[in-house]
Amino acid sequence: MTPAWQRLEANASSPVKRHFLHGLALLDRTSYYTILVAMGMMTLLVSVQVFSRYVLSSSIDSADELSRLCFVWAIFLAIPHGIKVGIHVGIDALVTHFPDSLQRLLAQLMAWLGAALMAALFWISLAAAISKWQELMPTLPITAAVFYIAVVVCAGHSCLHLVAQALRLEPLPSAPERYEGASS
């Protein structure tokens, strides 16, 4: 086990919490490797397209669409990883002047609010994906809903991390931890 997993496991006092955190860690790992594959495919597609266009004077019809799809998936899969470690932009000019206990309470409240908003985004994007299911991409015989499915996955994964933070299963990143993590 990694030291990070041991710290999380120490916070999980019950088997249900441990299983939740273990499942979340598995989802993180799967998402991480999917991001690597998507970024690799995007880089390869763009490189082959540039070579094909400028050296062979030919173009791959679906390269632009596929590279855009890989980019969208990579970005939306990466958002929950940023939420987990607290590296997204936050304005804490006022909150840093509050006592530590109030800062933790506000962070927990914001995690619950963020989880509620991500749950709403999950349902809205799921409905959008379902409504777009019959539409096909212009150059590929793939449903156009795959762009919306990335949002569904992102919202669900982000919601799980926010719930874990709100329940204090995952540590809530404090302001100094965010700044130190962003610079390394």
Protein backbone atom coordinates (compact mmCIF):
# COMPACT_ATOMS: atom_id res chain seq x y z
CA MET A 1 0.00 0.00 0.00
CA THR A 2 1.08 3.55 -0.65
CA PRO A 3 1.54 5.93 2.29
CA ALA A 4 -1.35 8.05 0.93
CA TRP A 5 -3.66 5.02 0.97
CA GLN A 6 -2.56 4.20 4.54
CA ARG A 7 -3.43 7.74 5.65
CA LEU A 8 -6.86 7.47 4.04
CA GLU A 9 -7.44 4.03 5.52
CA ALA A 10 -6.59 5.39 8.99
CA ASN A 11 -9.40 7.95 8.56
CA ALA A 12 -11.88 5.25 7.56
CA SER A 13 -13.03 3.69 10.79
CA SER A 14 -15.71 1.40 9.37
CA PRO A 15 -15.57 -1.25 6.64
CA VAL A 16 -18.10 0.73 4.58
CA LYS A 17 -15.84 3.79 4.63
CA ARG A 18 -12.81 1.67 3.77
CA HIS A 19 -14.65 0.09 0.81
CA PHE A 20 -15.82 3.52 -0.34
CA LEU A 21 -12.28 4.88 -0.22
CA HIS A 22 -10.86 1.77 -1.85
CA GLY A 23 -13.40 2.07 -4.69
CA LEU A 24 -12.62 5.76 -5.04
CA ALA A 25 -8.88 5.01 -5.20
CA LEU A 26 -9.55 2.40 -7.91
CA LEU A 27 -11.64 4.93 -9.84
CA ASP A 28 -8.81 7.47 -9.49
CA ARG A 29 -6.25 5.01 -10.80
CA THR A 30 -8.47 3.99 -13.73
CA SER A 31 -9.16 7.63 -14.54
CA TYR A 32 -5.47 8.48 -14.35
CA TYR A 33 -4.47 5.80 -16.85
CA THR A 34 -7.38 6.73 -19.13
CA ILE A 35 -6.09 10.32 -19.14
CA LEU A 36 -2.65 9.05 -20.16
CA VAL A 37 -4.14 7.03 -23.02
CA ALA A 38 -6.33 9.94 -24.18
CA MET A 39 -3.41 12.38 -24.14
CA GLY A 40 -1.20 9.89 -25.97
CA MET A 41 -3.84 9.25 -28.61
CA MET A 42 -4.44 12.97 -29.06
CA THR A 43 -0.71 13.64 -29.49
CA LEU A 44 -0.34 10.77 -31.94
CA LEU A 45 -3.39 11.81 -33.97
CA VAL A 46 -2.29 15.42 -34.26
CA SER A 47 1.27 14.39 -35.18
CA VAL A 48 0.08 11.96 -37.86
CA GLN A 49 -2.38 14.55 -39.18
CA VAL A 50 0.36 17.21 -39.46
CA PHE A 51 2.69 14.74 -41.19
CA SER A 52 -0.05 13.57 -43.50
CA ARG A 53 -1.19 17.06 -44.39
CA TYR A 54 2.18 18.74 -44.93
CA VAL A 55 4.36 15.87 -46.13
CA LEU A 56 1.90 13.65 -47.98
CA SER A 57 -0.47 16.48 -49.05
CA SER A 58 -3.36 14.44 -47.75
CA SER A 59 -5.61 14.76 -44.74
CA ILE A 60 -7.20 12.32 -42.32
CA ASP A 61 -10.88 13.24 -42.20
CA SER A 62 -11.58 12.17 -38.64
CA ALA A 63 -8.30 13.28 -37.02
CA ASP A 64 -9.59 16.67 -35.88
CA GLU A 65 -12.73 15.19 -34.39
CA LEU A 66 -10.92 12.31 -32.69
CA SER A 67 -8.21 14.55 -31.24
CA ARG A 68 -10.89 16.94 -29.92
CA LEU A 69 -12.69 13.99 -28.35
CA CYS A 70 -9.49 12.79 -26.66
CA PHE A 71 -8.82 16.33 -25.41
CA VAL A 72 -12.32 16.70 -23.96
CA TRP A 73 -12.09 13.34 -22.21
CA ALA A 74 -8.63 14.08 -20.80
CA ILE A 75 -9.75 17.44 -19.41
CA PHE A 76 -12.98 16.19 -17.87
CA LEU A 77 -11.28 13.12 -16.38
CA ALA A 78 -8.60 15.35 -14.82
CA ILE A 79 -11.00 17.68 -13.00
CA PRO A 80 -11.78 15.24 -10.13
CA HIS A 81 -8.05 14.77 -9.52
CA GLY A 82 -7.73 18.53 -9.00
CA ILE A 83 -10.72 18.53 -6.66
CA LYS A 84 -9.19 15.70 -4.65
CA VAL A 85 -6.01 17.64 -3.87
CA GLY A 86 -7.55 21.12 -3.83
CA ILE A 87 -5.59 22.74 -6.64
CA HIS A 88 -8.48 24.49 -8.36
CA VAL A 89 -8.75 28.24 -8.13
CA GLY A 90 -10.22 29.41 -4.87
CA ILE A 91 -10.63 32.83 -3.31
CA ASP A 92 -9.85 32.60 0.38
CA ALA A 93 -8.81 36.18 1.22
CA LEU A 94 -11.52 36.47 3.88
CA VAL A 95 -11.63 32.86 5.08
CA THR A 96 -7.94 32.80 6.04
CA HIS A 97 -8.67 35.36 8.77
CA PHE A 98 -11.19 33.03 10.46
CA PRO A 99 -10.25 30.61 13.25
CA ASP A 100 -9.10 27.15 12.07
CA SER A 101 -12.25 25.45 13.35
CA LEU A 102 -14.47 27.82 11.37
CA GLN A 103 -12.27 27.38 8.27
CA ARG A 104 -12.70 23.59 8.52
CA LEU A 105 -16.46 23.96 9.00
CA LEU A 106 -16.73 26.24 5.97
CA ALA A 107 -14.59 23.88 3.89
CA GLN A 108 -16.86 21.00 4.87
CA LEU A 109 -19.96 23.06 4.03
CA MET A 110 -18.49 24.03 0.64
CA ALA A 111 -17.67 20.37 -0.04
CA TRP A 112 -21.33 19.48 0.57
CA LEU A 113 -22.49 22.34 -1.64
CA GLY A 114 -20.02 21.34 -4.36
CA ALA A 115 -21.18 17.72 -4.12
CA ALA A 116 -24.81 18.84 -4.53
CA LEU A 117 -23.91 20.92 -7.59
CA MET A 118 -21.92 18.03 -9.10
CA ALA A 119 -24.88 15.69 -8.49
CA ALA A 120 -27.12 18.16 -10.34
CA LEU A 121 -24.58 18.40 -13.17
CA PHE A 122 -24.46 14.59 -13.29
CA TRP A 123 -28.23 14.33 -13.88
CA ILE A 124 -28.37 17.23 -16.34
CA SER A 125 -25.45 15.92 -18.41
CA LEU A 126 -26.88 12.40 -18.30
CA ALA A 127 -30.12 13.76 -19.78
CA ALA A 128 -28.11 15.64 -22.42
CA ALA A 129 -26.17 12.49 -23.32
CA ILE A 130 -29.39 10.52 -23.66
CA SER A 131 -30.97 13.20 -25.86
CA LYS A 132 -27.89 13.33 -28.15
CA TRP A 133 -27.55 9.56 -28.41
CA GLN A 134 -29.07 9.30 -31.93
CA GLU A 135 -26.82 12.01 -33.38
CA LEU A 136 -23.62 10.82 -35.01
CA MET A 137 -20.32 12.65 -35.33
CA PRO A 138 -19.83 14.18 -38.80
CA THR A 139 -16.83 12.06 -39.79
CA LEU A 140 -17.24 8.99 -37.57
CA PRO A 141 -20.02 6.48 -37.01
CA ILE A 142 -19.92 7.22 -33.25
CA THR A 143 -22.65 8.87 -31.23
CA ALA A 144 -22.11 12.55 -30.46
CA ALA A 145 -23.14 11.77 -26.89
CA VAL A 146 -19.56 10.64 -26.08
CA PHE A 147 -18.71 14.30 -25.44
CA TYR A 148 -21.50 14.50 -22.86
CA ILE A 149 -20.57 11.17 -21.30
CA ALA A 150 -17.23 12.73 -20.33
CA VAL A 151 -19.15 15.35 -18.34
CA VAL A 152 -21.28 12.64 -16.71
CA VAL A 153 -18.15 10.74 -15.60
CA CYS A 154 -16.48 13.95 -14.39
CA ALA A 155 -19.49 15.07 -12.37
CA GLY A 156 -19.97 11.67 -10.74
CA HIS A 157 -16.28 11.24 -9.90
CA SER A 158 -16.03 14.83 -8.59
CA CYS A 159 -19.15 14.34 -6.49
CA LEU A 160 -17.64 11.26 -4.86
CA HIS A 161 -14.47 13.16 -3.92
CA LEU A 162 -16.48 16.07 -2.53
CA VAL A 163 -18.64 13.70 -0.46
CA ALA A 164 -15.48 12.02 0.86
CA GLN A 165 -14.11 15.44 1.83
CA ALA A 166 -17.40 16.52 3.40
CA LEU A 167 -17.52 13.31 5.47
CA ARG A 168 -13.85 13.89 6.30
CA LEU A 169 -12.83 10.57 4.78
CA GLU A 170 -10.37 12.45 2.59
CA PRO A 171 -8.47 15.32 4.12
CA LEU A 172 -9.81 18.75 3.28
CA PRO A 173 -6.92 20.63 1.71
CA SER A 174 -6.04 23.72 3.73
CA ALA A 175 -4.78 26.92 2.11
CA PRO A 176 -1.06 26.30 2.83
CA GLU A 177 -1.29 22.72 1.51
CA ARG A 178 -2.89 23.99 -1.71
CA TYR A 179 -0.14 26.49 -2.33
CA GLU A 180 2.66 24.05 -1.51
CA GLY A 181 1.10 21.36 -3.73
CA ALA A 182 0.69 23.78 -6.62
CA SER A 183 4.32 24.83 -6.61
CA SER A 184 5.82 21.34 -6.58
